[in-house]
Amino acid sequence: MLKDFQVRVVANACITRVNDGEGTIDQVVSSYPMQEDDKEKVLAYAYVLRPDLKPADQN
């Protein structure tokens, strides 16, 4: 289980990779080996920072 600061670091790293064209936020987050609940936390924080990354069907 990731600590809060780790969730923030991973979310920011994922956003950077998305900005660099490495895939969608879901693809990038899924490339990291972590538990499913941690992936959800990372995605949730990434969506707070960058709401435009949230898929249209989740709005």
PDB file of N, CA and C in Angstrom:
ATOM      1  N   MET A   1       0.837  -1.181   0.000  1.00  0.00           N
ATOM      2  CA  MET A   1       0.000   0.000   0.000  1.00  0.00           C
ATOM      3  C   MET A   1       0.882   1.244   0.000  1.00  0.00           C
ATOM      4  N   LEU A   2       0.620   2.131  -0.945  1.00  0.00           N
ATOM      5  CA  LEU A   2       1.408   3.357  -1.058  1.00  0.00           C
ATOM      6  C   LEU A   2       0.990   4.375  -0.005  1.00  0.00           C
ATOM      7  N   LYS A   3       1.971   5.110   0.476  1.00  0.00           N
ATOM      8  CA  LYS A   3       1.689   6.219   1.385  1.00  0.00           C
ATOM      9  C   LYS A   3       1.234   7.409   0.549  1.00  0.00           C
ATOM     10  N   ASP A   4       0.616   8.387   1.205  1.00  0.00           N
ATOM     11  CA  ASP A   4       0.063   9.537   0.479  1.00  0.00           C
ATOM     12  C   ASP A   4       1.100  10.246  -0.381  1.00  0.00           C
ATOM     13  N   PHE A   5       2.297  10.451   0.157  1.00  0.00           N
ATOM     14  CA  PHE A   5       3.311  11.157  -0.629  1.00  0.00           C
ATOM     15  C   PHE A   5       3.732  10.334  -1.834  1.00  0.00           C
ATOM     16  N   GLN A   6       3.715   9.009  -1.704  1.00  0.00           N
ATOM     17  CA  GLN A   6       4.073   8.148  -2.829  1.00  0.00           C
ATOM     18  C   GLN A   6       3.008   8.214  -3.927  1.00  0.00           C
ATOM     19  N   VAL A   7       1.748   8.285  -3.522  1.00  0.00           N
ATOM     20  CA  VAL A   7       0.658   8.434  -4.492  1.00  0.00           C
ATOM     21  C   VAL A   7       0.856   9.721  -5.283  1.00  0.00           C
ATOM     22  N   ARG A   8       1.199  10.802  -4.591  1.00  0.00           N
ATOM     23  CA  ARG A   8       1.408  12.087  -5.269  1.00  0.00           C
ATOM     24  C   ARG A   8       2.589  12.022  -6.236  1.00  0.00           C
ATOM     25  N   VAL A   9       3.674  11.382  -5.819  1.00  0.00           N
ATOM     26  CA  VAL A   9       4.860  11.273  -6.675  1.00  0.00           C
ATOM     27  C   VAL A   9       4.543  10.451  -7.926  1.00  0.00           C
ATOM     28  N   VAL A  10       3.899   9.309  -7.744  1.00  0.00           N
ATOM     29  CA  VAL A  10       3.576   8.446  -8.885  1.00  0.00           C
ATOM     30  C   VAL A  10       2.584   9.141  -9.821  1.00  0.00           C
ATOM     31  N   ALA A  11       1.590   9.821  -9.264  1.00  0.00           N
ATOM     32  CA  ALA A  11       0.614  10.528 -10.101  1.00  0.00           C
ATOM     33  C   ALA A  11       1.300  11.594 -10.946  1.00  0.00           C
ATOM     34  N   ASN A  12       2.196  12.348 -10.338  1.00  0.00           N
ATOM     35  CA  ASN A  12       2.914  13.376 -11.099  1.00  0.00           C
ATOM     36  C   ASN A  12       3.818  12.756 -12.159  1.00  0.00           C
ATOM     37  N   ALA A  13       4.442  11.629 -11.841  1.00  0.00           N
ATOM     38  CA  ALA A  13       5.272  10.934 -12.827  1.00  0.00           C
ATOM     39  C   ALA A  13       4.417  10.449 -13.999  1.00  0.00           C
ATOM     40  N   CYS A  14       3.239   9.939 -13.694  1.00  0.00           N
ATOM     41  CA  CYS A  14       2.335   9.465 -14.746  1.00  0.00           C
ATOM     42  C   CYS A  14       1.875  10.614 -15.634  1.00  0.00           C
ATOM     43  N   ILE A  15       1.561  11.742 -15.024  1.00  0.00           N
ATOM     44  CA  ILE A  15       1.146  12.912 -15.805  1.00  0.00           C
ATOM     45  C   ILE A  15       2.273  13.352 -16.733  1.00  0.00           C
ATOM     46  N   THR A  16       3.498  13.326 -16.237  1.00  0.00           N
ATOM     47  CA  THR A  16       4.649  13.684 -17.069  1.00  0.00           C
ATOM     48  C   THR A  16       4.765  12.741 -18.258  1.00  0.00           C
ATOM     49  N   ARG A  17       4.588  11.446 -18.022  1.00  0.00           N
ATOM     50  CA  ARG A  17       4.679  10.472 -19.108  1.00  0.00           C
ATOM     51  C   ARG A  17       3.556  10.658 -20.125  1.00  0.00           C
ATOM     52  N   VAL A  18       2.358  10.990 -19.651  1.00  0.00           N
ATOM     53  CA  VAL A  18       1.242  11.265 -20.569  1.00  0.00           C
ATOM     54  C   VAL A  18       1.568  12.492 -21.409  1.00  0.00           C
ATOM     55  N   ASN A  19       2.099  13.521 -20.773  1.00  0.00           N
ATOM     56  CA  ASN A  19       2.481  14.738 -21.498  1.00  0.00           C
ATOM     57  C   ASN A  19       3.536  14.447 -22.559  1.00  0.00           C
ATOM     58  N   ASP A  20       4.388  13.455 -22.298  1.00  0.00           N
ATOM     59  CA  ASP A  20       5.434  13.077 -23.247  1.00  0.00           C
ATOM     60  C   ASP A  20       4.925  12.131 -24.335  1.00  0.00           C
ATOM     61  N   GLY A  21       3.631  11.807 -24.303  1.00  0.00           N
ATOM     62  CA  GLY A  21       3.033  10.986 -25.350  1.00  0.00           C
ATOM     63  C   GLY A  21       3.208   9.494 -25.182  1.00  0.00           C
ATOM     64  N   GLU A  22       3.418   9.028 -23.959  1.00  0.00           N
ATOM     65  CA  GLU A  22       3.644   7.599 -23.730  1.00  0.00           C
ATOM     66  C   GLU A  22       2.364   6.785 -23.608  1.00  0.00           C
ATOM     67  N   GLY A  23       1.220   7.427 -23.749  1.00  0.00           N
ATOM     68  CA  GLY A  23      -0.053   6.711 -23.671  1.00  0.00           C
ATOM     69  C   GLY A  23      -1.066   7.496 -22.870  1.00  0.00           C
ATOM     70  N   THR A  24      -2.214   6.854 -22.636  1.00  0.00           N
ATOM     71  CA  THR A  24      -3.244   7.488 -21.820  1.00  0.00           C
ATOM     72  C   THR A  24      -2.865   7.357 -20.353  1.00  0.00           C
ATOM     73  N   ILE A  25      -3.554   8.095 -19.512  1.00  0.00           N
ATOM     74  CA  ILE A  25      -3.261   8.017 -18.081  1.00  0.00           C
ATOM     75  C   ILE A  25      -3.510   6.600 -17.563  1.00  0.00           C
ATOM     76  N   ASP A  26      -4.548   5.930 -18.054  1.00  0.00           N
ATOM     77  CA  ASP A  26      -4.826   4.560 -17.620  1.00  0.00           C
ATOM     78  C   ASP A  26      -3.699   3.607 -18.022  1.00  0.00           C
ATOM     79  N   GLN A  27      -3.204   3.755 -19.240  1.00  0.00           N
ATOM     80  CA  GLN A  27      -2.115   2.896 -19.708  1.00  0.00           C
ATOM     81  C   GLN A  27      -0.852   3.121 -18.895  1.00  0.00           C
ATOM     82  N   VAL A  28      -0.546   4.378 -18.638  1.00  0.00           N
ATOM     83  CA  VAL A  28       0.680   4.705 -17.912  1.00  0.00           C
ATOM     84  C   VAL A  28       0.596   4.215 -16.475  1.00  0.00           C
ATOM     85  N   VAL A  29      -0.522   4.470 -15.804  1.00  0.00           N
ATOM     86  CA  VAL A  29      -0.667   4.017 -14.415  1.00  0.00           C
ATOM     87  C   VAL A  29      -0.594   2.496 -14.350  1.00  0.00           C
ATOM     88  N   SER A  30      -1.195   1.821 -15.312  1.00  0.00           N
ATOM     89  CA  SER A  30      -1.183   0.355 -15.323  1.00  0.00           C
ATOM     90  C   SER A  30       0.200  -0.223 -15.565  1.00  0.00           C
ATOM     91  N   SER A  31       1.121   0.576 -16.075  1.00  0.00           N
ATOM     92  CA  SER A  31       2.474   0.076 -16.325  1.00  0.00           C
ATOM     93  C   SER A  31       3.294  -0.032 -15.037  1.00  0.00           C
ATOM     94  N   TYR A  32       2.792   0.541 -13.956  1.00  0.00           N
ATOM     95  CA  TYR A  32       3.489   0.464 -12.670  1.00  0.00           C
ATOM     96  C   TYR A  32       2.968  -0.730 -11.875  1.00  0.00           C
ATOM     97  N   PRO A  33       3.876  -1.513 -11.282  1.00  0.00           N
ATOM     98  CA  PRO A  33       3.432  -2.664 -10.485  1.00  0.00           C
ATOM     99  C   PRO A  33       2.959  -2.221  -9.098  1.00  0.00           C
ATOM    100  N   MET A  34       1.646  -2.118  -8.946  1.00  0.00           N
ATOM    101  CA  MET A  34       1.084  -1.750  -7.646  1.00  0.00           C
ATOM    102  C   MET A  34      -0.289  -2.379  -7.503  1.00  0.00           C
ATOM    103  N   GLN A  35      -0.769  -2.394  -6.280  1.00  0.00           N
ATOM    104  CA  GLN A  35      -2.073  -2.986  -6.001  1.00  0.00           C
ATOM    105  C   GLN A  35      -3.177  -2.150  -6.636  1.00  0.00           C
ATOM    106  N   GLU A  36      -4.309  -2.799  -6.877  1.00  0.00           N
ATOM    107  CA  GLU A  36      -5.425  -2.143  -7.562  1.00  0.00           C
ATOM    108  C   GLU A  36      -5.925  -0.919  -6.803  1.00  0.00           C
ATOM    109  N   ASP A  37      -5.987  -0.997  -5.476  1.00  0.00           N
ATOM    110  CA  ASP A  37      -6.470   0.164  -4.714  1.00  0.00           C
ATOM    111  C   ASP A  37      -5.499   1.332  -4.816  1.00  0.00           C
ATOM    112  N   ASP A  38      -4.203   1.035  -4.939  1.00  0.00           N
ATOM    113  CA  ASP A  38      -3.223   2.103  -5.129  1.00  0.00           C
ATOM    114  C   ASP A  38      -3.373   2.739  -6.511  1.00  0.00           C
ATOM    115  N   LYS A  39      -3.656   1.922  -7.521  1.00  0.00           N
ATOM    116  CA  LYS A  39      -3.881   2.463  -8.870  1.00  0.00           C
ATOM    117  C   LYS A  39      -5.062   3.422  -8.867  1.00  0.00           C
ATOM    118  N   GLU A  40      -6.112   3.051  -8.145  1.00  0.00           N
ATOM    119  CA  GLU A  40      -7.288   3.918  -8.060  1.00  0.00           C
ATOM    120  C   GLU A  40      -6.944   5.240  -7.383  1.00  0.00           C
ATOM    121  N   LYS A  41      -6.117   5.183  -6.337  1.00  0.00           N
ATOM    122  CA  LYS A  41      -5.702   6.407  -5.641  1.00  0.00           C
ATOM    123  C   LYS A  41      -4.861   7.293  -6.553  1.00  0.00           C
ATOM    124  N   VAL A  42      -3.950   6.678  -7.302  1.00  0.00           N
ATOM    125  CA  VAL A  42      -3.096   7.436  -8.219  1.00  0.00           C
ATOM    126  C   VAL A  42      -3.949   8.094  -9.304  1.00  0.00           C
ATOM    127  N   LEU A  43      -4.871   7.341  -9.874  1.00  0.00           N
ATOM    128  CA  LEU A  43      -5.751   7.909 -10.899  1.00  0.00           C
ATOM    129  C   LEU A  43      -6.595   9.041 -10.328  1.00  0.00           C
ATOM    130  N   ALA A  44      -7.138   8.849  -9.141  1.00  0.00           N
ATOM    131  CA  ALA A  44      -7.972   9.885  -8.527  1.00  0.00           C
ATOM    132  C   ALA A  44      -7.173  11.166  -8.321  1.00  0.00           C
ATOM    133  N   TYR A  45      -5.936  11.034  -7.862  1.00  0.00           N
ATOM    134  CA  TYR A  45      -5.115  12.229  -7.643  1.00  0.00           C
ATOM    135  C   TYR A  45      -4.721  12.869  -8.974  1.00  0.00           C
ATOM    136  N   ALA A  46      -4.422  12.045  -9.971  1.00  0.00           N
ATOM    137  CA  ALA A  46      -4.084  12.581 -11.293  1.00  0.00           C
ATOM    138  C   ALA A  46      -5.264  13.362 -11.865  1.00  0.00           C
ATOM    139  N   TYR A  47      -6.482  12.864 -11.651  1.00  0.00           N
ATOM    140  CA  TYR A  47      -7.670  13.563 -12.147  1.00  0.00           C
ATOM    141  C   TYR A  47      -7.912  14.867 -11.402  1.00  0.00           C
ATOM    142  N   VAL A  48      -7.505  14.942 -10.139  1.00  0.00           N
ATOM    143  CA  VAL A  48      -7.613  16.205  -9.394  1.00  0.00           C
ATOM    144  C   VAL A  48      -6.666  17.237 -10.002  1.00  0.00           C
ATOM    145  N   LEU A  49      -5.445  16.789 -10.307  1.00  0.00           N
ATOM    146  CA  LEU A  49      -4.452  17.701 -10.878  1.00  0.00           C
ATOM    147  C   LEU A  49      -4.775  18.068 -12.321  1.00  0.00           C
ATOM    148  N   ARG A  50      -5.243  17.087 -13.077  1.00  0.00           N
ATOM    149  CA  ARG A  50      -5.513  17.280 -14.508  1.00  0.00           C
ATOM    150  C   ARG A  50      -6.869  16.678 -14.875  1.00  0.00           C
ATOM    151  N   PRO A  51      -7.958  17.398 -14.603  1.00  0.00           N
ATOM    152  CA  PRO A  51      -9.296  16.869 -14.906  1.00  0.00           C
ATOM    153  C   PRO A  51      -9.485  16.519 -16.384  1.00  0.00           C
ATOM    154  N   ASP A  52      -8.713  17.144 -17.258  1.00  0.00           N
ATOM    155  CA  ASP A  52      -8.823  16.864 -18.693  1.00  0.00           C
ATOM    156  C   ASP A  52      -8.371  15.452 -19.052  1.00  0.00           C
ATOM    157  N   LEU A  53      -7.656  14.772 -18.168  1.00  0.00           N
ATOM    158  CA  LEU A  53      -7.205  13.407 -18.437  1.00  0.00           C
ATOM    159  C   LEU A  53      -8.287  12.368 -18.148  1.00  0.00           C
ATOM    160  N   LYS A  54      -9.325  12.778 -17.443  1.00  0.00           N
ATOM    161  CA  LYS A  54     -10.395  11.856 -17.072  1.00  0.00           C
ATOM    162  C   LYS A  54     -11.167  11.456 -18.322  1.00  0.00           C
ATOM    163  N   PRO A  55     -11.374  10.149 -18.537  1.00  0.00           N
ATOM    164  CA  PRO A  55     -12.135   9.707 -19.709  1.00  0.00           C
ATOM    165  C   PRO A  55     -13.541  10.300 -19.706  1.00  0.00           C
ATOM    166  N   ALA A  56     -14.064  10.565 -20.879  1.00  0.00           N
ATOM    167  CA  ALA A  56     -15.371  11.212 -21.014  1.00  0.00           C
ATOM    168  C   ALA A  56     -16.486  10.399 -20.362  1.00  0.00           C
ATOM    169  N   ASP A  57     -16.373   9.068 -20.372  1.00  0.00           N
ATOM    170  CA  ASP A  57     -17.431   8.237 -19.792  1.00  0.00           C
ATOM    171  C   ASP A  57     -17.408   8.233 -18.263  1.00  0.00           C
ATOM    172  N   GLN A  58     -16.400   8.831 -17.649  1.00  0.00           N
ATOM    173  CA  GLN A  58     -16.314   8.896 -16.186  1.00  0.00           C
ATOM    174  C   GLN A  58     -16.668  10.271 -15.642  1.00  0.00           C
ATOM    175  N   ASN A  59     -17.019  11.199 -16.493  1.00  0.00           N
ATOM    176  CA  ASN A  59     -17.352  12.561 -16.031  1.00  0.00           C
ATOM    177  C   ASN A  59     -18.719  12.628 -15.429  1.00  0.00           C
TER     178      ASN A  59
END
